[in-house]
Amino acid sequence: MPHTQHQAPRDGELITAQEMAAALTKATLLYADGASQTFSRDGNRTAYVERGTHTEGTWEVLADGKFSSFWPPDYRADYVVRWIVQEDVRIGISFTEVRGGNRFDGLYR
């Protein structure tokens, strides 16, 4: 029987729609500016804390595999999400806005 080799994760590899929820809910994400973000395991809620200010929004995986977040009352943004990998270990998630191209890297805490 042929042996199938496990392929190591690659930095910058797209996170598929099928693995998105597990990737987002794995742990709290910590951003370079000190902000943190959590994604609920029991639905599509997210909480973001920046300099002591707590905001809540919702998230979803779009049919094309992109990530979308909504922050009331009217801010919505769509992102391409990729793995951040270091020494063959997935250590976080990189979000790149579809419009504007801004990039936000969150490392698992």
PDB file of N, CA and C in Angstrom:
ATOM      1  N   MET A   1       0.852  -1.176   0.000  1.00  0.00           N
ATOM      2  CA  MET A   1       0.000   0.000   0.000  1.00  0.00           C
ATOM      3  C   MET A   1       0.899   1.241   0.000  1.00  0.00           C
ATOM      4  N   PRO A   2       0.667   2.198  -0.909  1.00  0.00           N
ATOM      5  CA  PRO A   2       1.518   3.382  -0.972  1.00  0.00           C
ATOM      6  C   PRO A   2       1.325   4.260   0.265  1.00  0.00           C
ATOM      7  N   HIS A   3       2.423   4.845   0.671  1.00  0.00           N
ATOM      8  CA  HIS A   3       2.399   5.750   1.828  1.00  0.00           C
ATOM      9  C   HIS A   3       2.113   7.173   1.334  1.00  0.00           C
ATOM     10  N   THR A   4       1.096   7.820   1.912  1.00  0.00           N
ATOM     11  CA  THR A   4       0.810   9.215   1.543  1.00  0.00           C
ATOM     12  C   THR A   4       1.535  10.114   2.516  1.00  0.00           C
ATOM     13  N   GLN A   5       2.250  11.047   1.973  1.00  0.00           N
ATOM     14  CA  GLN A   5       3.045  11.949   2.790  1.00  0.00           C
ATOM     15  C   GLN A   5       2.211  13.160   3.194  1.00  0.00           C
ATOM     16  N   HIS A   6       2.284  13.527   4.468  1.00  0.00           N
ATOM     17  CA  HIS A   6       1.586  14.711   4.953  1.00  0.00           C
ATOM     18  C   HIS A   6       2.308  15.951   4.448  1.00  0.00           C
ATOM     19  N   GLN A   7       1.567  16.825   3.820  1.00  0.00           N
ATOM     20  CA  GLN A   7       2.167  18.055   3.305  1.00  0.00           C
ATOM     21  C   GLN A   7       2.157  19.114   4.403  1.00  0.00           C
ATOM     22  N   ALA A   8       3.324  19.683   4.662  1.00  0.00           N
ATOM     23  CA  ALA A   8       3.437  20.726   5.685  1.00  0.00           C
ATOM     24  C   ALA A   8       2.667  21.962   5.234  1.00  0.00           C
ATOM     25  N   PRO A   9       2.042  22.665   6.176  1.00  0.00           N
ATOM     26  CA  PRO A   9       1.345  23.895   5.805  1.00  0.00           C
ATOM     27  C   PRO A   9       2.334  24.937   5.293  1.00  0.00           C
ATOM     28  N   ARG A  10       1.874  25.763   4.386  1.00  0.00           N
ATOM     29  CA  ARG A  10       2.733  26.799   3.806  1.00  0.00           C
ATOM     30  C   ARG A  10       2.250  28.179   4.248  1.00  0.00           C
ATOM     31  N   ASP A  11       3.199  29.061   4.552  1.00  0.00           N
ATOM     32  CA  ASP A  11       2.882  30.434   4.900  1.00  0.00           C
ATOM     33  C   ASP A  11       2.201  31.092   3.704  1.00  0.00           C
ATOM     34  N   GLY A  12       1.093  31.779   3.946  1.00  0.00           N
ATOM     35  CA  GLY A  12       0.372  32.460   2.882  1.00  0.00           C
ATOM     36  C   GLY A  12      -0.628  31.590   2.152  1.00  0.00           C
ATOM     37  N   GLU A  13      -0.738  30.329   2.543  1.00  0.00           N
ATOM     38  CA  GLU A  13      -1.698  29.420   1.919  1.00  0.00           C
ATOM     39  C   GLU A  13      -3.119  29.862   2.265  1.00  0.00           C
ATOM     40  N   LEU A  14      -4.009  29.847   1.272  1.00  0.00           N
ATOM     41  CA  LEU A  14      -5.403  30.226   1.509  1.00  0.00           C
ATOM     42  C   LEU A  14      -6.054  29.284   2.511  1.00  0.00           C
ATOM     43  N   ILE A  15      -6.872  29.845   3.383  1.00  0.00           N
ATOM     44  CA  ILE A  15      -7.687  29.036   4.285  1.00  0.00           C
ATOM     45  C   ILE A  15      -8.970  28.732   3.526  1.00  0.00           C
ATOM     46  N   THR A  16      -9.284  27.467   3.375  1.00  0.00           N
ATOM     47  CA  THR A  16     -10.460  27.085   2.601  1.00  0.00           C
ATOM     48  C   THR A  16     -11.738  27.349   3.395  1.00  0.00           C
ATOM     49  N   ALA A  17     -12.847  27.434   2.678  1.00  0.00           N
ATOM     50  CA  ALA A  17     -14.147  27.640   3.321  1.00  0.00           C
ATOM     51  C   ALA A  17     -14.418  26.527   4.336  1.00  0.00           C
ATOM     52  N   GLN A  18     -13.981  25.298   4.016  1.00  0.00           N
ATOM     53  CA  GLN A  18     -14.228  24.158   4.901  1.00  0.00           C
ATOM     54  C   GLN A  18     -13.456  24.248   6.210  1.00  0.00           C
ATOM     55  N   GLU A  19     -12.286  24.873   6.203  1.00  0.00           N
ATOM     56  CA  GLU A  19     -11.486  24.955   7.428  1.00  0.00           C
ATOM     57  C   GLU A  19     -11.577  26.312   8.130  1.00  0.00           C
ATOM     58  N   MET A  20     -12.358  27.234   7.553  1.00  0.00           N
ATOM     59  CA  MET A  20     -12.430  28.602   8.067  1.00  0.00           C
ATOM     60  C   MET A  20     -12.931  28.668   9.516  1.00  0.00           C
ATOM     61  N   ALA A  21     -14.047  28.031   9.823  1.00  0.00           N
ATOM     62  CA  ALA A  21     -14.603  28.123  11.177  1.00  0.00           C
ATOM     63  C   ALA A  21     -13.621  27.587  12.208  1.00  0.00           C
ATOM     64  N   ALA A  22     -12.987  26.465  11.924  1.00  0.00           N
ATOM     65  CA  ALA A  22     -12.019  25.892  12.865  1.00  0.00           C
ATOM     66  C   ALA A  22     -10.817  26.814  13.032  1.00  0.00           C
ATOM     67  N   ALA A  23     -10.371  27.427  11.934  1.00  0.00           N
ATOM     68  CA  ALA A  23      -9.222  28.342  12.003  1.00  0.00           C
ATOM     69  C   ALA A  23      -9.553  29.570  12.845  1.00  0.00           C
ATOM     70  N   LEU A  24     -10.751  30.114  12.656  1.00  0.00           N
ATOM     71  CA  LEU A  24     -11.140  31.337  13.375  1.00  0.00           C
ATOM     72  C   LEU A  24     -11.381  31.097  14.858  1.00  0.00           C
ATOM     73  N   THR A  25     -11.920  29.940  15.207  1.00  0.00           N
ATOM     74  CA  THR A  25     -12.301  29.692  16.597  1.00  0.00           C
ATOM     75  C   THR A  25     -11.227  28.949  17.384  1.00  0.00           C
ATOM     76  N   LYS A  26     -10.093  28.683  16.766  1.00  0.00           N
ATOM     77  CA  LYS A  26      -9.022  27.914  17.417  1.00  0.00           C
ATOM     78  C   LYS A  26      -8.527  28.587  18.693  1.00  0.00           C
ATOM     79  N   ALA A  27      -8.353  29.909  18.656  1.00  0.00           N
ATOM     80  CA  ALA A  27      -7.834  30.646  19.811  1.00  0.00           C
ATOM     81  C   ALA A  27      -8.057  32.140  19.588  1.00  0.00           C
ATOM     82  N   THR A  28      -7.836  32.911  20.627  1.00  0.00           N
ATOM     83  CA  THR A  28      -7.880  34.370  20.506  1.00  0.00           C
ATOM     84  C   THR A  28      -6.772  34.807  19.562  1.00  0.00           C
ATOM     85  N   LEU A  29      -7.076  35.791  18.703  1.00  0.00           N
ATOM     86  CA  LEU A  29      -6.065  36.367  17.820  1.00  0.00           C
ATOM     87  C   LEU A  29      -5.540  37.644  18.443  1.00  0.00           C
ATOM     88  N   LEU A  30      -4.230  37.821  18.406  1.00  0.00           N
ATOM     89  CA  LEU A  30      -3.590  39.021  18.929  1.00  0.00           C
ATOM     90  C   LEU A  30      -2.921  39.738  17.765  1.00  0.00           C
ATOM     91  N   TYR A  31      -3.222  41.033  17.613  1.00  0.00           N
ATOM     92  CA  TYR A  31      -2.691  41.838  16.519  1.00  0.00           C
ATOM     93  C   TYR A  31      -1.495  42.655  17.000  1.00  0.00           C
ATOM     94  N   ALA A  32      -0.685  43.132  16.064  1.00  0.00           N
ATOM     95  CA  ALA A  32       0.556  43.854  16.376  1.00  0.00           C
ATOM     96  C   ALA A  32       0.322  45.093  17.238  1.00  0.00           C
ATOM     97  N   ASP A  33      -0.851  45.729  17.073  1.00  0.00           N
ATOM     98  CA  ASP A  33      -1.134  46.944  17.848  1.00  0.00           C
ATOM     99  C   ASP A  33      -1.666  46.651  19.249  1.00  0.00           C
ATOM    100  N   GLY A  34      -1.708  45.365  19.621  1.00  0.00           N
ATOM    101  CA  GLY A  34      -2.179  44.981  20.951  1.00  0.00           C
ATOM    102  C   GLY A  34      -3.649  44.634  21.011  1.00  0.00           C
ATOM    103  N   ALA A  35      -4.397  44.880  19.940  1.00  0.00           N
ATOM    104  CA  ALA A  35      -5.815  44.523  19.907  1.00  0.00           C
ATOM    105  C   ALA A  35      -5.946  43.001  19.881  1.00  0.00           C
ATOM    106  N   SER A  36      -7.099  42.517  20.343  1.00  0.00           N
ATOM    107  CA  SER A  36      -7.359  41.076  20.309  1.00  0.00           C
ATOM    108  C   SER A  36      -8.756  40.828  19.762  1.00  0.00           C
ATOM    109  N   GLN A  37      -8.960  39.626  19.230  1.00  0.00           N
ATOM    110  CA  GLN A  37     -10.251  39.278  18.638  1.00  0.00           C
ATOM    111  C   GLN A  37     -10.545  37.810  18.895  1.00  0.00           C
ATOM    112  N   THR A  38     -11.800  37.548  19.247  1.00  0.00           N
ATOM    113  CA  THR A  38     -12.264  36.175  19.421  1.00  0.00           C
ATOM    114  C   THR A  38     -13.448  35.942  18.499  1.00  0.00           C
ATOM    115  N   PHE A  39     -13.622  34.690  18.122  1.00  0.00           N
ATOM    116  CA  PHE A  39     -14.737  34.266  17.281  1.00  0.00           C
ATOM    117  C   PHE A  39     -15.466  33.162  18.024  1.00  0.00           C
ATOM    118  N   SER A  40     -16.789  33.289  18.158  1.00  0.00           N
ATOM    119  CA  SER A  40     -17.556  32.320  18.930  1.00  0.00           C
ATOM    120  C   SER A  40     -17.619  30.973  18.220  1.00  0.00           C
ATOM    121  N   ARG A  41     -17.575  29.917  19.019  1.00  0.00           N
ATOM    122  CA  ARG A  41     -17.693  28.555  18.492  1.00  0.00           C
ATOM    123  C   ARG A  41     -19.153  28.188  18.244  1.00  0.00           C
ATOM    124  N   ASP A  42     -20.068  28.864  18.911  1.00  0.00           N
ATOM    125  CA  ASP A  42     -21.479  28.483  18.841  1.00  0.00           C
ATOM    126  C   ASP A  42     -22.287  29.349  17.874  1.00  0.00           C
ATOM    127  N   GLY A  43     -21.638  29.995  16.955  1.00  0.00           N
ATOM    128  CA  GLY A  43     -22.366  30.839  16.007  1.00  0.00           C
ATOM    129  C   GLY A  43     -21.417  31.745  15.277  1.00  0.00           C
ATOM    130  N   ASN A  44     -21.921  32.883  14.871  1.00  0.00           N
ATOM    131  CA  ASN A  44     -21.086  33.753  14.037  1.00  0.00           C
ATOM    132  C   ASN A  44     -20.763  35.084  14.710  1.00  0.00           C
ATOM    133  N   ARG A  45     -20.638  35.089  16.025  1.00  0.00           N
ATOM    134  CA  ARG A  45     -20.311  36.329  16.729  1.00  0.00           C
ATOM    135  C   ARG A  45     -18.806  36.502  16.845  1.00  0.00           C
ATOM    136  N   THR A  46     -18.375  37.755  16.872  1.00  0.00           N
ATOM    137  CA  THR A  46     -16.968  38.066  17.091  1.00  0.00           C
ATOM    138  C   THR A  46     -16.872  39.262  18.031  1.00  0.00           C
ATOM    139  N   ALA A  47     -15.828  39.281  18.827  1.00  0.00           N
ATOM    140  CA  ALA A  47     -15.573  40.398  19.748  1.00  0.00           C
ATOM    141  C   ALA A  47     -14.154  40.896  19.511  1.00  0.00           C
ATOM    142  N   TYR A  48     -14.018  42.222  19.493  1.00  0.00           N
ATOM    143  CA  TYR A  48     -12.735  42.876  19.221  1.00  0.00           C
ATOM    144  C   TYR A  48     -12.467  43.843  20.357  1.00  0.00           C
ATOM    145  N   VAL A  49     -11.271  43.761  20.925  1.00  0.00           N
ATOM    146  CA  VAL A  49     -10.904  44.648  22.034  1.00  0.00           C
ATOM    147  C   VAL A  49      -9.644  45.409  21.627  1.00  0.00           C
ATOM    148  N   GLU A  50      -9.759  46.745  21.643  1.00  0.00           N
ATOM    149  CA  GLU A  50      -8.645  47.605  21.289  1.00  0.00           C
ATOM    150  C   GLU A  50      -8.543  48.714  22.320  1.00  0.00           C
ATOM    151  N   ARG A  51      -7.390  48.790  23.001  1.00  0.00           N
ATOM    152  CA  ARG A  51      -7.155  49.794  24.037  1.00  0.00           C
ATOM    153  C   ARG A  51      -8.321  49.877  25.035  1.00  0.00           C
ATOM    154  N   GLY A  52      -8.807  48.725  25.458  1.00  0.00           N
ATOM    155  CA  GLY A  52      -9.858  48.662  26.455  1.00  0.00           C
ATOM    156  C   GLY A  52     -11.268  48.835  25.928  1.00  0.00           C
ATOM    157  N   THR A  53     -11.418  49.166  24.653  1.00  0.00           N
ATOM    158  CA  THR A  53     -12.749  49.327  24.062  1.00  0.00           C
ATOM    159  C   THR A  53     -13.184  48.013  23.423  1.00  0.00           C
ATOM    160  N   HIS A  54     -14.349  47.531  23.836  1.00  0.00           N
ATOM    161  CA  HIS A  54     -14.885  46.245  23.393  1.00  0.00           C
ATOM    162  C   HIS A  54     -15.997  46.484  22.367  1.00  0.00           C
ATOM    163  N   THR A  55     -15.877  45.880  21.193  1.00  0.00           N
ATOM    164  CA  THR A  55     -16.949  45.964  20.190  1.00  0.00           C
ATOM    165  C   THR A  55     -17.309  44.556  19.745  1.00  0.00           C
ATOM    166  N   GLU A  56     -18.565  44.384  19.355  1.00  0.00           N
ATOM    167  CA  GLU A  56     -19.038  43.076  18.898  1.00  0.00           C
ATOM    168  C   GLU A  56     -19.626  43.172  17.516  1.00  0.00           C
ATOM    169  N   GLY A  57     -19.419  42.125  16.755  1.00  0.00           N
ATOM    170  CA  GLY A  57     -19.949  42.054  15.398  1.00  0.00           C
ATOM    171  C   GLY A  57     -20.299  40.625  15.058  1.00  0.00           C
ATOM    172  N   THR A  58     -20.517  40.394  13.778  1.00  0.00           N
ATOM    173  CA  THR A  58     -20.818  39.052  13.303  1.00  0.00           C
ATOM    174  C   THR A  58     -19.879  38.716  12.153  1.00  0.00           C
ATOM    175  N   TRP A  59     -19.762  37.429  11.854  1.00  0.00           N
ATOM    176  CA  TRP A  59     -18.918  36.986  10.755  1.00  0.00           C
ATOM    177  C   TRP A  59     -19.587  35.839  10.030  1.00  0.00           C
ATOM    178  N   GLU A  60     -19.156  35.646   8.784  1.00  0.00           N
ATOM    179  CA  GLU A  60     -19.643  34.510   8.002  1.00  0.00           C
ATOM    180  C   GLU A  60     -18.626  34.165   6.934  1.00  0.00           C
ATOM    181  N   VAL A  61     -18.726  32.930   6.471  1.00  0.00           N
ATOM    182  CA  VAL A  61     -17.907  32.472   5.358  1.00  0.00           C
ATOM    183  C   VAL A  61     -18.776  32.580   4.113  1.00  0.00           C
ATOM    184  N   LEU A  62     -18.301  33.301   3.118  1.00  0.00           N
ATOM    185  CA  LEU A  62     -19.053  33.480   1.884  1.00  0.00           C
ATOM    186  C   LEU A  62     -18.887  32.262   0.979  1.00  0.00           C
ATOM    187  N   ALA A  63     -19.793  32.101   0.042  1.00  0.00           N
ATOM    188  CA  ALA A  63     -19.792  30.935  -0.845  1.00  0.00           C
ATOM    189  C   ALA A  63     -18.472  30.772  -1.593  1.00  0.00           C
ATOM    190  N   ASP A  64     -17.793  31.882  -1.897  1.00  0.00           N
ATOM    191  CA  ASP A  64     -16.541  31.791  -2.647  1.00  0.00           C
ATOM    192  C   ASP A  64     -15.330  31.558  -1.742  1.00  0.00           C
ATOM    193  N   GLY A  65     -15.577  31.332  -0.446  1.00  0.00           N
ATOM    194  CA  GLY A  65     -14.493  31.036   0.476  1.00  0.00           C
ATOM    195  C   GLY A  65     -13.913  32.247   1.167  1.00  0.00           C
ATOM    196  N   LYS A  66     -14.396  33.431   0.857  1.00  0.00           N
ATOM    197  CA  LYS A  66     -13.907  34.627   1.538  1.00  0.00           C
ATOM    198  C   LYS A  66     -14.594  34.755   2.903  1.00  0.00           C
ATOM    199  N   PHE A  67     -14.018  35.596   3.737  1.00  0.00           N
ATOM    200  CA  PHE A  67     -14.528  35.869   5.073  1.00  0.00           C
ATOM    201  C   PHE A  67     -15.177  37.248   5.061  1.00  0.00           C
ATOM    202  N   SER A  68     -16.331  37.378   5.704  1.00  0.00           N
ATOM    203  CA  SER A  68     -17.027  38.653   5.773  1.00  0.00           C
ATOM    204  C   SER A  68     -17.331  38.979   7.229  1.00  0.00           C
ATOM    205  N   SER A  69     -17.108  40.231   7.617  1.00  0.00           N
ATOM    206  CA  SER A  69     -17.466  40.646   8.971  1.00  0.00           C
ATOM    207  C   SER A  69     -18.368  41.867   8.897  1.00  0.00           C
ATOM    208  N   PHE A  70     -19.253  41.971   9.889  1.00  0.00           N
ATOM    209  CA  PHE A  70     -20.185  43.092   9.977  1.00  0.00           C
ATOM    210  C   PHE A  70     -20.107  43.653  11.387  1.00  0.00           C
ATOM    211  N   TRP A  71     -19.905  44.977  11.454  1.00  0.00           N
ATOM    212  CA  TRP A  71     -19.827  45.686  12.733  1.00  0.00           C
ATOM    213  C   TRP A  71     -20.916  46.748  12.740  1.00  0.00           C
ATOM    214  N   PRO A  72     -21.925  46.565  13.595  1.00  0.00           N
ATOM    215  CA  PRO A  72     -23.019  47.536  13.644  1.00  0.00           C
ATOM    216  C   PRO A  72     -22.507  48.943  13.953  1.00  0.00           C
ATOM    217  N   PRO A  73     -23.134  49.978  13.417  1.00  0.00           N
ATOM    218  CA  PRO A  73     -24.421  49.855  12.721  1.00  0.00           C
ATOM    219  C   PRO A  73     -24.310  49.560  11.226  1.00  0.00           C
ATOM    220  N   ASP A  74     -23.144  49.842  10.580  1.00  0.00           N
ATOM    221  CA  ASP A  74     -23.175  49.711   9.122  1.00  0.00           C
ATOM    222  C   ASP A  74     -21.837  49.391   8.464  1.00  0.00           C
ATOM    223  N   TYR A  75     -20.856  48.860   9.213  1.00  0.00           N
ATOM    224  CA  TYR A  75     -19.567  48.572   8.598  1.00  0.00           C
ATOM    225  C   TYR A  75     -19.464  47.098   8.227  1.00  0.00           C
ATOM    226  N   ARG A  76     -19.282  46.818   6.952  1.00  0.00           N
ATOM    227  CA  ARG A  76     -19.082  45.458   6.470  1.00  0.00           C
ATOM    228  C   ARG A  76     -17.809  45.420   5.635  1.00  0.00           C
ATOM    229  N   ALA A  77     -17.030  44.364   5.815  1.00  0.00           N
ATOM    230  CA  ALA A  77     -15.811  44.195   5.029  1.00  0.00           C
ATOM    231  C   ALA A  77     -15.635  42.718   4.688  1.00  0.00           C
ATOM    232  N   ASP A  78     -15.131  42.465   3.493  1.00  0.00           N
ATOM    233  CA  ASP A  78     -14.848  41.108   3.045  1.00  0.00           C
ATOM    234  C   ASP A  78     -13.335  40.943   2.938  1.00  0.00           C
ATOM    235  N   TYR A  79     -12.858  39.755   3.278  1.00  0.00           N
ATOM    236  CA  TYR A  79     -11.425  39.487   3.328  1.00  0.00           C
ATOM    237  C   TYR A  79     -11.080  38.163   2.660  1.00  0.00           C
ATOM    238  N   VAL A  80      -9.874  38.118   2.117  1.00  0.00           N
ATOM    239  CA  VAL A  80      -9.234  36.866   1.751  1.00  0.00           C
ATOM    240  C   VAL A  80      -8.408  36.492   2.972  1.00  0.00           C
ATOM    241  N   VAL A  81      -8.493  35.243   3.407  1.00  0.00           N
ATOM    242  CA  VAL A  81      -7.764  34.841   4.613  1.00  0.00           C
ATOM    243  C   VAL A  81      -6.737  33.762   4.286  1.00  0.00           C
ATOM    244  N   ARG A  82      -5.578  33.930   4.882  1.00  0.00           N
ATOM    245  CA  ARG A  82      -4.456  33.023   4.635  1.00  0.00           C
ATOM    246  C   ARG A  82      -3.814  32.625   5.963  1.00  0.00           C
ATOM    247  N   TRP A  83      -3.169  31.469   5.942  1.00  0.00           N
ATOM    248  CA  TRP A  83      -2.448  31.010   7.123  1.00  0.00           C
ATOM    249  C   TRP A  83      -1.148  31.789   7.309  1.00  0.00           C
ATOM    250  N   ILE A  84      -0.807  32.035   8.552  1.00  0.00           N
ATOM    251  CA  ILE A  84       0.535  32.497   8.911  1.00  0.00           C
ATOM    252  C   ILE A  84       1.227  31.259   9.491  1.00  0.00           C
ATOM    253  N   VAL A  85       2.312  30.855   8.851  1.00  0.00           N
ATOM    254  CA  VAL A  85       2.997  29.620   9.233  1.00  0.00           C
ATOM    255  C   VAL A  85       4.447  29.935   9.577  1.00  0.00           C
ATOM    256  N   GLN A  86       4.891  29.327  10.667  1.00  0.00           N
ATOM    257  CA  GLN A  86       6.282  29.478  11.083  1.00  0.00           C
ATOM    258  C   GLN A  86       6.787  28.102  11.503  1.00  0.00           C
ATOM    259  N   GLU A  87       7.885  27.656  10.900  1.00  0.00           N
ATOM    260  CA  GLU A  87       8.464  26.346  11.199  1.00  0.00           C
ATOM    261  C   GLU A  87       7.426  25.230  11.101  1.00  0.00           C
ATOM    262  N   ASP A  88       6.661  25.245  10.017  1.00  0.00           N
ATOM    263  CA  ASP A  88       5.643  24.227   9.704  1.00  0.00           C
ATOM    264  C   ASP A  88       4.471  24.200  10.691  1.00  0.00           C
ATOM    265  N   VAL A  89       4.282  25.270  11.453  1.00  0.00           N
ATOM    266  CA  VAL A  89       3.172  25.344  12.399  1.00  0.00           C
ATOM    267  C   VAL A  89       2.315  26.554  12.056  1.00  0.00           C
ATOM    268  N   ARG A  90       1.001  26.344  11.993  1.00  0.00           N
ATOM    269  CA  ARG A  90       0.064  27.449  11.748  1.00  0.00           C
ATOM    270  C   ARG A  90      -0.062  28.255  13.026  1.00  0.00           C
ATOM    271  N   ILE A  91       0.472  29.484  12.988  1.00  0.00           N
ATOM    272  CA  ILE A  91       0.512  30.304  14.208  1.00  0.00           C
ATOM    273  C   ILE A  91      -0.479  31.458  14.188  1.00  0.00           C
ATOM    274  N   GLY A  92      -1.201  31.633  13.073  1.00  0.00           N
ATOM    275  CA  GLY A  92      -2.156  32.724  13.007  1.00  0.00           C
ATOM    276  C   GLY A  92      -2.822  32.823  11.656  1.00  0.00           C
ATOM    277  N   ILE A  93      -3.548  33.926  11.495  1.00  0.00           N
ATOM    278  CA  ILE A  93      -4.345  34.172  10.298  1.00  0.00           C
ATOM    279  C   ILE A  93      -4.064  35.573   9.789  1.00  0.00           C
ATOM    280  N   SER A  94      -3.933  35.693   8.474  1.00  0.00           N
ATOM    281  CA  SER A  94      -3.755  36.986   7.822  1.00  0.00           C
ATOM    282  C   SER A  94      -5.034  37.317   7.056  1.00  0.00           C
ATOM    283  N   PHE A  95      -5.599  38.484   7.335  1.00  0.00           N
ATOM    284  CA  PHE A  95      -6.812  38.955   6.671  1.00  0.00           C
ATOM    285  C   PHE A  95      -6.428  40.077   5.707  1.00  0.00           C
ATOM    286  N   THR A  96      -6.777  39.970   4.427  1.00  0.00           N
ATOM    287  CA  THR A  96      -6.532  41.033   3.456  1.00  0.00           C
ATOM    288  C   THR A  96      -7.867  41.488   2.889  1.00  0.00           C
ATOM    289  N   GLU A  97      -8.173  42.774   3.076  1.00  0.00           N
ATOM    290  CA  GLU A  97      -9.442  43.316   2.592  1.00  0.00           C
ATOM    291  C   GLU A  97      -9.548  43.181   1.074  1.00  0.00           C
ATOM    292  N   VAL A  98     -10.717  42.739   0.621  1.00  0.00           N
ATOM    293  CA  VAL A  98     -10.963  42.620  -0.811  1.00  0.00           C
ATOM    294  C   VAL A  98     -10.914  44.009  -1.446  1.00  0.00           C
ATOM    295  N   ARG A  99     -11.548  44.987  -0.801  1.00  0.00           N
ATOM    296  CA  ARG A  99     -11.483  46.376  -1.266  1.00  0.00           C
ATOM    297  C   ARG A  99     -10.457  47.111  -0.427  1.00  0.00           C
ATOM    298  N   GLY A 100      -9.485  47.687  -1.069  1.00  0.00           N
ATOM    299  CA  GLY A 100      -8.485  48.469  -0.357  1.00  0.00           C
ATOM    300  C   GLY A 100      -7.192  47.734  -0.099  1.00  0.00           C
ATOM    301  N   GLY A 101      -7.244  46.414   0.064  1.00  0.00           N
ATOM    302  CA  GLY A 101      -6.032  45.630   0.229  1.00  0.00           C
ATOM    303  C   GLY A 101      -5.352  45.725   1.575  1.00  0.00           C
ATOM    304  N   ASN A 102      -5.971  46.394   2.568  1.00  0.00           N
ATOM    305  CA  ASN A 102      -5.354  46.463   3.896  1.00  0.00           C
ATOM    306  C   ASN A 102      -5.205  45.067   4.452  1.00  0.00           C
ATOM    307  N   ARG A 103      -4.088  44.826   5.147  1.00  0.00           N
ATOM    308  CA  ARG A 103      -3.798  43.509   5.687  1.00  0.00           C
ATOM    309  C   ARG A 103      -3.696  43.573   7.202  1.00  0.00           C
ATOM    310  N   PHE A 104      -4.301  42.588   7.845  1.00  0.00           N
ATOM    311  CA  PHE A 104      -4.284  42.497   9.300  1.00  0.00           C
ATOM    312  C   PHE A 104      -3.844  41.088   9.670  1.00  0.00           C
ATOM    313  N   ASP A 105      -2.753  40.980  10.425  1.00  0.00           N
ATOM    314  CA  ASP A 105      -2.232  39.684  10.840  1.00  0.00           C
ATOM    315  C   ASP A 105      -2.549  39.447  12.296  1.00  0.00           C
ATOM    316  N   GLY A 106      -3.238  38.350  12.571  1.00  0.00           N
ATOM    317  CA  GLY A 106      -3.545  37.970  13.947  1.00  0.00           C
ATOM    318  C   GLY A 106      -2.852  36.669  14.300  1.00  0.00           C
ATOM    319  N   LEU A 107      -2.114  36.689  15.390  1.00  0.00           N
ATOM    320  CA  LEU A 107      -1.412  35.488  15.848  1.00  0.00           C
ATOM    321  C   LEU A 107      -2.210  34.828  16.965  1.00  0.00           C
ATOM    322  N   TYR A 108      -2.240  33.504  16.944  1.00  0.00           N
ATOM    323  CA  TYR A 108      -2.939  32.780  18.008  1.00  0.00           C
ATOM    324  C   TYR A 108      -2.263  33.046  19.346  1.00  0.00           C
ATOM    325  N   ARG A 109      -3.100  33.344  20.343  1.00  0.00           N
ATOM    326  CA  ARG A 109      -2.580  33.579  21.693  1.00  0.00           C
ATOM    327  C   ARG A 109      -2.678  32.295  22.471  1.00  0.00           C
TER     328      ARG A 109
END
